[in-house]
Amino acid sequence: MEDGSAPVRSGPLASVRVVELAGMGPGPHAAMLLADLGAEVLRVHRPGHAGSGATLRGRRLIAADLKNVDDLEQVRELIDGADVLVEGFRPGVTERLGLGPDECLSRNPRLVYTRVTGWGQTGPRAQQAGHDINYLGLTGLLHAMGAPDRPPTPPLNLVGDYGGGSMFAVLGVLAALIERQGSGRGQVIDAAIINGAPLLGHVLWSMLGDGRWSDQRGTNIFDGSAPFYRTYECADGGYVAVGALEPGFFAELLRVLEIDPESLGPQRDKDGWPAMRQALADTFRQRSRDEWSRVFAGSDACVTPVLTVTEATEDAQLKARDVFVEVDGVRQPAPAPLFSRTPAAPPAPARVRALRPTSRPPSR
């Protein structure tokens, strides 16, 4: 959509301007989150490569040929007036383009220059290609995921790209903006997935340190081996998620399922877990997913249906919280978190903004 006027912005970051150098993965997601919170985000992309999809919401799209001297200078001027720059290229790429942190900060000392990568800006793998699955594999997190008798299961690309990457990039941006209020100076943020993702799994290292976690997949409390923290198949092929960790919740689970606690043994006795899993599995197979959902409605047994992505948009709790919105005909998650005094505006489709016409040919 082309629109020369800037949309009305609201939210806690309404006074912040961001320049995003178009890329893929966690960088665009971080820029989207900043736009969701009210920031004005200008996405600079190669002509004909604006990108597509819901992740572009809230942006103003600017086509620029960075090999063209005039286009490059106009992009520099945009960065001069920005609070934040977000880029996700391999180390050294923006330097070769003439948009590296040294040059940008020399022109705009208040700039928060945010670099989102998998391996980070330094180290022996810094120039190596990689994706979410590779970063999780190297950090030890992937090894902990999945059944013990099957290969590790990638958790989509949520833990690496978006949890360890874009979320920590946004955290860095917000921290740097707060620090700038006192110092008046920007800085460079090196947001690497291999730094962020392990922090998401901090509990694993904590439990490993005190002997409560094993490196053997499928033997730990959160990896699906605990009978009271896993999914179970129902009569119709659907699944329920059981999270009855605490003794009181576990007791409520057994009460609703009409299982005698004495027949199972102590909840945390791992030797009894195989028989306990089998007893729960046999019981859950007796009814459909939605029947169990009704049985456990209002219960503190921590049992919920495993919904598909499509079904989730119609769930009563999620609808009550307006978790999903429709933008440009696409149903998608709404901005989060919610703010009492500076609520974010509903996300809008991306809009096109043109650079000034240039006359000089691209440099060779």
Protein backbone atom coordinates (compact mmCIF):
# COMPACT_ATOMS: atom_id res chain seq x y z
CA MET A 1 0.00 0.00 0.00
CA GLU A 2 1.35 3.45 -0.85
CA ASP A 3 0.64 6.34 1.47
CA GLY A 4 2.68 9.50 1.75
CA SER A 5 1.33 10.37 5.18
CA ALA A 6 2.58 8.75 8.36
CA PRO A 7 -0.04 6.73 10.25
CA VAL A 8 -1.11 7.87 13.71
CA ARG A 9 1.08 6.09 16.24
CA SER A 10 0.43 5.30 19.86
CA GLY A 11 2.11 3.14 22.46
CA PRO A 12 5.04 3.48 24.86
CA LEU A 13 7.55 3.85 21.98
CA ALA A 14 5.57 6.42 19.98
CA SER A 15 8.45 8.92 20.18
CA VAL A 16 11.06 6.45 18.86
CA ARG A 17 12.20 6.23 15.24
CA VAL A 18 13.77 3.02 13.93
CA VAL A 19 15.56 2.28 10.67
CA GLU A 20 15.54 -1.41 9.74
CA LEU A 21 17.91 -2.70 7.08
CA ALA A 22 15.78 -5.44 5.55
CA GLY A 23 16.82 -9.01 6.22
CA MET A 24 15.25 -12.27 7.34
CA GLY A 25 14.44 -13.99 10.62
CA PRO A 26 14.91 -12.34 14.01
CA GLY A 27 15.81 -8.86 12.71
CA PRO A 28 12.45 -8.23 11.02
CA HIS A 29 10.65 -9.77 13.98
CA ALA A 30 12.45 -7.41 16.38
CA ALA A 31 11.53 -4.47 14.16
CA MET A 32 7.90 -5.62 14.13
CA LEU A 33 7.82 -5.78 17.92
CA LEU A 34 9.18 -2.24 18.15
CA ALA A 35 6.53 -1.09 15.64
CA ASP A 36 3.85 -2.89 17.67
CA LEU A 37 4.86 -0.81 20.68
CA GLY A 38 4.40 2.40 18.71
CA ALA A 39 7.82 3.09 17.20
CA GLU A 40 8.02 4.52 13.69
CA VAL A 41 9.90 1.84 11.75
CA LEU A 42 11.33 2.56 8.31
CA ARG A 43 12.29 -0.67 6.54
CA VAL A 44 14.95 -0.09 3.90
CA HIS A 45 14.98 -2.83 1.27
CA ARG A 46 16.47 -3.52 -2.13
CA PRO A 47 14.19 -2.48 -5.01
CA GLY A 48 11.83 -5.35 -5.74
CA HIS A 49 12.68 -7.15 -2.48
CA ALA A 50 10.37 -5.58 0.11
CA GLY A 51 9.50 -8.95 1.60
CA SER A 52 6.04 -10.19 2.40
CA GLY A 53 3.94 -11.56 5.22
CA ALA A 54 2.43 -10.40 8.46
CA THR A 55 5.83 -9.65 10.00
CA LEU A 56 5.99 -6.47 7.90
CA ARG A 57 3.04 -4.91 9.68
CA GLY A 58 3.43 -1.41 11.06
CA ARG A 59 6.36 -0.47 8.79
CA ARG A 60 7.00 2.12 6.13
CA LEU A 61 8.76 0.41 3.24
CA ILE A 62 11.56 2.29 1.49
CA ALA A 63 13.23 0.90 -1.62
CA ALA A 64 16.88 1.93 -1.89
CA ASP A 65 19.77 0.83 -4.07
CA LEU A 66 22.72 1.10 -1.71
CA LYS A 67 25.10 0.94 -4.69
CA ASN A 68 23.61 4.23 -5.84
CA VAL A 69 25.42 7.17 -4.24
CA ASP A 70 22.27 9.28 -3.89
CA ASP A 71 20.20 6.44 -2.41
CA LEU A 72 22.99 5.59 0.03
CA GLU A 73 23.25 9.17 1.20
CA GLN A 74 19.50 9.40 1.72
CA VAL A 75 19.58 6.24 3.82
CA ARG A 76 22.40 7.77 5.86
CA GLU A 77 20.20 10.81 6.41
CA LEU A 78 17.39 8.58 7.63
CA ILE A 79 19.79 6.96 10.09
CA ASP A 80 21.00 10.39 11.17
CA GLY A 81 17.47 11.12 12.37
CA ALA A 82 16.85 7.72 13.94
CA ASP A 83 17.01 6.52 17.52
CA VAL A 84 17.58 2.88 16.60
CA LEU A 85 19.02 0.92 13.69
CA VAL A 86 18.32 -2.81 13.32
CA GLU A 87 20.37 -5.03 11.00
CA GLY A 88 20.85 -8.79 10.75
CA PHE A 89 23.63 -9.30 8.21
CA ARG A 90 26.84 -11.25 8.69
CA PRO A 91 29.58 -9.29 10.46
CA GLY A 92 31.24 -6.78 8.14
CA VAL A 93 28.43 -6.44 5.58
CA THR A 94 27.15 -3.05 6.75
CA GLU A 95 30.73 -1.82 7.03
CA ARG A 96 31.28 -2.66 3.36
CA LEU A 97 28.06 -0.87 2.48
CA GLY A 98 29.26 2.26 4.24
CA LEU A 99 26.63 1.89 6.98
CA GLY A 100 28.72 0.30 9.72
CA PRO A 101 28.42 1.29 13.36
CA ASP A 102 31.53 3.49 13.42
CA GLU A 103 30.32 5.61 10.53
CA CYS A 104 26.70 5.78 11.70
CA LEU A 105 27.60 6.65 15.30
CA SER A 106 30.07 9.30 14.15
CA ARG A 107 27.17 11.01 12.38
CA ASN A 108 24.54 10.23 15.02
CA PRO A 109 26.17 9.65 18.44
CA ARG A 110 22.76 8.93 20.04
CA LEU A 111 22.06 5.98 17.74
CA VAL A 112 21.34 2.55 19.24
CA TYR A 113 22.91 0.31 16.59
CA THR A 114 21.39 -3.17 16.93
CA ARG A 115 23.01 -6.22 15.31
CA VAL A 116 20.98 -9.45 15.39
CA THR A 117 22.80 -12.61 14.31
CA GLY A 118 23.05 -16.29 15.14
CA TRP A 119 26.73 -16.66 16.00
CA GLY A 120 27.44 -13.06 17.05
CA GLN A 121 29.97 -10.53 15.81
CA THR A 122 33.03 -12.40 17.07
CA GLY A 123 34.33 -15.95 17.44
CA PRO A 124 35.42 -18.69 15.00
CA ARG A 125 31.90 -19.21 13.59
CA ALA A 126 31.01 -15.53 13.18
CA GLN A 127 31.22 -15.66 9.37
CA GLN A 128 29.64 -19.10 9.05
CA ALA A 129 26.12 -19.65 7.73
CA GLY A 130 23.58 -21.07 10.15
CA HIS A 131 19.93 -21.31 11.10
CA ASP A 132 17.90 -21.69 14.26
CA ILE A 133 18.45 -25.45 14.43
CA ASN A 134 22.23 -24.99 14.26
CA TYR A 135 22.34 -22.45 17.06
CA LEU A 136 20.18 -24.62 19.30
CA GLY A 137 22.32 -27.63 18.49
CA LEU A 138 25.52 -25.89 19.56
CA THR A 139 24.07 -24.46 22.78
CA GLY A 140 22.93 -27.86 24.09
CA LEU A 141 19.26 -26.94 24.08
CA LEU A 142 18.30 -29.04 21.07
CA HIS A 143 19.78 -32.16 22.64
CA ALA A 144 17.33 -31.82 25.52
CA MET A 145 14.25 -31.74 23.30
CA GLY A 146 12.31 -34.76 22.16
CA ALA A 147 11.75 -38.41 23.03
CA PRO A 148 14.72 -40.45 24.30
CA ASP A 149 14.39 -43.07 21.57
CA ARG A 150 14.13 -40.59 18.69
CA PRO A 151 16.30 -37.79 17.28
CA PRO A 152 16.09 -34.39 18.99
CA THR A 153 12.98 -32.46 17.92
CA PRO A 154 13.38 -28.81 16.81
CA PRO A 155 10.91 -26.55 18.69
CA LEU A 156 9.86 -24.87 15.42
CA ASN A 157 12.17 -21.83 15.19
CA LEU A 158 10.79 -20.17 18.28
CA VAL A 159 13.53 -20.73 20.85
CA GLY A 160 16.44 -19.61 18.67
CA ASP A 161 15.35 -17.01 16.12
CA TYR A 162 12.64 -15.33 18.13
CA GLY A 163 13.22 -16.20 21.78
CA GLY A 164 17.00 -16.03 21.82
CA GLY A 165 17.31 -13.56 18.95
CA SER A 166 14.63 -10.93 18.43
CA MET A 167 13.39 -10.79 22.02
CA PHE A 168 16.90 -10.15 23.36
CA ALA A 169 17.50 -7.60 20.60
CA VAL A 170 14.40 -5.71 21.74
CA LEU A 171 15.51 -6.04 25.37
CA GLY A 172 18.86 -4.54 24.38
CA VAL A 173 17.22 -1.68 22.50
CA LEU A 174 15.01 -0.77 25.43
CA ALA A 175 17.90 -0.95 27.91
CA ALA A 176 20.12 1.19 25.66
CA LEU A 177 17.38 3.79 25.20
CA ILE A 178 16.96 4.06 28.97
CA GLU A 179 20.74 4.36 29.48
CA ARG A 180 20.90 7.05 26.79
CA GLN A 181 18.60 9.26 28.81
CA GLY A 182 21.46 9.77 31.25
CA SER A 183 24.54 9.56 29.04
CA GLY A 184 23.13 11.11 25.88
CA ARG A 185 25.04 8.50 23.90
CA GLY A 186 24.05 5.51 21.83
CA GLN A 187 25.94 2.23 21.55
CA VAL A 188 26.21 -1.01 19.59
CA ILE A 189 24.13 -4.02 20.64
CA ASP A 190 25.47 -7.45 19.69
CA ALA A 191 22.34 -9.61 20.02
CA ALA A 192 23.42 -13.17 19.16
CA ILE A 193 21.09 -16.16 19.37
CA ILE A 194 23.84 -18.29 20.94
CA ASN A 195 23.94 -15.77 23.81
CA GLY A 196 20.19 -15.31 24.21
CA ALA A 197 18.85 -18.84 23.79
CA PRO A 198 20.84 -20.33 26.71
CA LEU A 199 19.35 -17.66 28.97
CA LEU A 200 15.89 -18.93 28.03
CA GLY A 201 17.08 -22.34 29.22
CA HIS A 202 18.73 -21.04 32.37
CA VAL A 203 16.67 -23.40 34.52
CA LEU A 204 18.35 -26.38 32.82
CA TRP A 205 21.82 -25.29 33.89
CA SER A 206 20.51 -24.37 37.32
CA MET A 207 18.99 -27.82 37.82
CA LEU A 208 22.05 -29.49 36.28
CA GLY A 209 24.20 -27.68 38.82
CA ASP A 210 22.33 -29.09 41.79
CA GLY A 211 21.83 -32.59 40.40
CA ARG A 212 18.18 -32.30 39.34
CA TRP A 213 18.78 -32.42 35.58
CA SER A 214 20.30 -35.15 33.45
CA ASP A 215 21.96 -34.83 30.05
CA GLN A 216 20.05 -37.96 29.06
CA ARG A 217 17.06 -36.82 27.00
CA GLY A 218 13.69 -38.07 28.18
CA THR A 219 14.56 -38.41 31.87
CA ASN A 220 13.77 -34.92 33.15
CA ILE A 221 10.74 -33.21 34.56
CA PHE A 222 10.15 -30.71 31.72
CA ASP A 223 11.11 -32.82 28.69
CA GLY A 224 7.98 -34.96 28.48
CA SER A 225 9.15 -37.88 30.59
CA ALA A 226 7.30 -36.86 33.76
CA PRO A 227 3.78 -38.39 33.64
CA PHE A 228 2.30 -35.22 35.11
CA TYR A 229 3.98 -32.87 32.59
CA ARG A 230 3.40 -34.13 29.07
CA THR A 231 0.76 -34.60 26.38
CA TYR A 232 -1.63 -37.54 26.05
CA GLU A 233 -3.54 -38.81 23.06
CA CYS A 234 -7.32 -38.95 23.29
CA ALA A 235 -9.93 -41.24 21.73
CA ASP A 236 -10.34 -39.05 18.64
CA GLY A 237 -6.62 -38.65 17.94
CA GLY A 238 -6.50 -35.21 19.56
CA TYR A 239 -4.26 -34.40 22.52
CA VAL A 240 -4.45 -32.82 25.94
CA ALA A 241 -1.60 -31.05 27.74
CA VAL A 242 -1.08 -32.00 31.38
CA GLY A 243 0.95 -29.73 33.66
CA ALA A 244 0.07 -31.00 37.14
CA LEU A 245 3.48 -30.30 38.68
CA GLU A 246 2.54 -29.47 42.25
CA PRO A 247 1.16 -32.18 44.59
CA GLY A 248 -2.20 -30.43 44.95
CA PHE A 249 -2.68 -30.16 41.21
CA PHE A 250 -1.57 -33.76 40.72
CA ALA A 251 -4.09 -34.91 43.33
CA GLU A 252 -6.81 -32.99 41.51
CA LEU A 253 -5.77 -34.62 38.22
CA LEU A 254 -6.15 -38.09 39.67
CA ARG A 255 -9.47 -37.17 41.32
CA VAL A 256 -11.00 -35.99 38.05
CA LEU A 257 -9.63 -39.02 36.20
CA GLU A 258 -10.96 -41.28 38.98
CA ILE A 259 -7.57 -42.93 39.48
CA ASP A 260 -6.66 -44.22 42.94
CA PRO A 261 -3.43 -42.45 44.05
CA GLU A 262 -2.38 -45.55 45.98
CA SER A 263 -2.25 -47.50 42.71
CA LEU A 264 0.45 -45.23 41.28
CA GLY A 265 2.94 -44.62 44.06
CA PRO A 266 4.68 -41.31 44.92
CA GLN A 267 4.43 -38.58 42.28
CA ARG A 268 8.18 -37.85 42.11
CA ASP A 269 9.43 -41.45 42.22
CA LYS A 270 11.00 -41.85 38.76
CA ASP A 271 11.02 -45.64 39.08
CA GLY A 272 7.24 -45.55 39.05
CA TRP A 273 6.90 -43.12 36.15
CA PRO A 274 6.53 -45.73 33.35
CA ALA A 275 3.53 -47.36 35.06
CA MET A 276 2.10 -43.95 35.92
CA ARG A 277 2.41 -42.76 32.31
CA GLN A 278 0.67 -45.89 31.10
CA ALA A 279 -2.21 -45.50 33.56
CA LEU A 280 -2.78 -41.89 32.52
CA ALA A 281 -2.43 -42.72 28.83
CA ASP A 282 -5.00 -45.53 29.09
CA THR A 283 -7.46 -43.23 30.84
CA PHE A 284 -7.13 -40.31 28.43
CA ARG A 285 -7.74 -42.64 25.48
CA GLN A 286 -11.24 -43.30 26.78
CA ARG A 287 -12.67 -39.93 25.71
CA SER A 288 -12.18 -37.36 22.97
CA ARG A 289 -10.08 -34.25 23.41
CA ASP A 290 -13.09 -31.95 23.61
CA GLU A 291 -14.87 -34.25 26.07
CA TRP A 292 -11.84 -34.07 28.37
CA SER A 293 -11.77 -30.32 27.91
CA ARG A 294 -15.32 -30.14 29.25
CA VAL A 295 -14.55 -32.55 32.10
CA PHE A 296 -11.60 -30.44 33.25
CA ALA A 297 -13.30 -27.05 32.75
CA GLY A 298 -12.88 -25.02 35.93
CA SER A 299 -10.53 -27.58 37.46
CA ASP A 300 -7.07 -26.83 38.90
CA ALA A 301 -5.66 -30.05 37.48
CA CYS A 302 -3.77 -28.01 34.82
CA VAL A 303 -5.23 -29.92 31.86
CA THR A 304 -5.98 -28.10 28.60
CA PRO A 305 -6.66 -29.18 25.03
CA VAL A 306 -3.81 -29.03 22.52
CA LEU A 307 -5.34 -26.76 19.89
CA THR A 308 -4.20 -26.33 16.32
CA VAL A 309 -2.97 -22.91 15.22
CA THR A 310 -6.33 -22.34 13.51
CA GLU A 311 -8.37 -23.51 16.50
CA ALA A 312 -6.45 -21.23 18.86
CA THR A 313 -7.89 -18.12 17.21
CA GLU A 314 -11.37 -19.19 18.36
CA ASP A 315 -10.56 -20.13 21.96
CA ALA A 316 -12.74 -18.27 24.47
CA GLN A 317 -9.86 -17.20 26.75
CA LEU A 318 -7.73 -15.96 23.88
CA LYS A 319 -10.69 -14.13 22.35
CA ALA A 320 -11.48 -12.49 25.69
CA ARG A 321 -7.90 -11.19 25.78
CA ASP A 322 -7.94 -10.10 22.11
CA VAL A 323 -4.84 -12.22 21.53
CA PHE A 324 -5.45 -12.25 17.76
CA VAL A 325 -6.26 -9.44 15.35
CA GLU A 326 -6.84 -9.25 11.62
CA VAL A 327 -4.45 -7.12 9.59
CA ASP A 328 -4.85 -6.83 5.85
CA GLY A 329 -7.04 -9.93 5.82
CA VAL A 330 -4.59 -12.08 7.79
CA ARG A 331 -5.41 -13.37 11.28
CA GLN A 332 -2.32 -12.95 13.49
CA PRO A 333 -1.18 -12.31 17.08
CA ALA A 334 -1.89 -8.85 18.46
CA PRO A 335 0.80 -6.65 20.03
CA ALA A 336 1.86 -7.60 23.55
CA PRO A 337 2.19 -6.89 26.42
CA LEU A 338 -0.76 -4.66 27.29
CA PHE A 339 -0.27 -1.16 28.71
CA SER A 340 -2.73 0.71 30.94
CA ARG A 341 -1.77 4.28 30.05
CA THR A 342 -0.06 4.05 26.66
CA PRO A 343 -1.84 1.25 24.80
CA ALA A 344 -0.50 0.26 21.41
CA ALA A 345 -2.63 1.03 18.38
CA PRO A 346 -4.02 -1.87 16.34
CA PRO A 347 -1.28 -2.95 13.92
CA ALA A 348 -1.60 -1.59 10.39
CA PRO A 349 -0.43 -3.00 7.05
CA ALA A 350 2.96 -1.92 5.75
CA ARG A 351 2.98 1.28 3.69
CA VAL A 352 5.35 2.47 0.98
CA ARG A 353 7.48 5.58 1.30
CA ALA A 354 9.65 6.69 -1.61
CA LEU A 355 13.09 8.24 -1.53
CA ARG A 356 13.73 11.45 -3.42
CA PRO A 357 14.27 10.82 -7.15
CA THR A 358 17.93 10.25 -8.01
CA SER A 359 19.78 11.07 -11.17
CA ARG A 360 23.15 9.44 -10.71
CA PRO A 361 23.65 5.84 -11.94
CA PRO A 362 24.66 3.04 -9.54
CA SER A 363 28.35 2.94 -8.65
CA ARG A 364 30.26 -0.06 -10.01
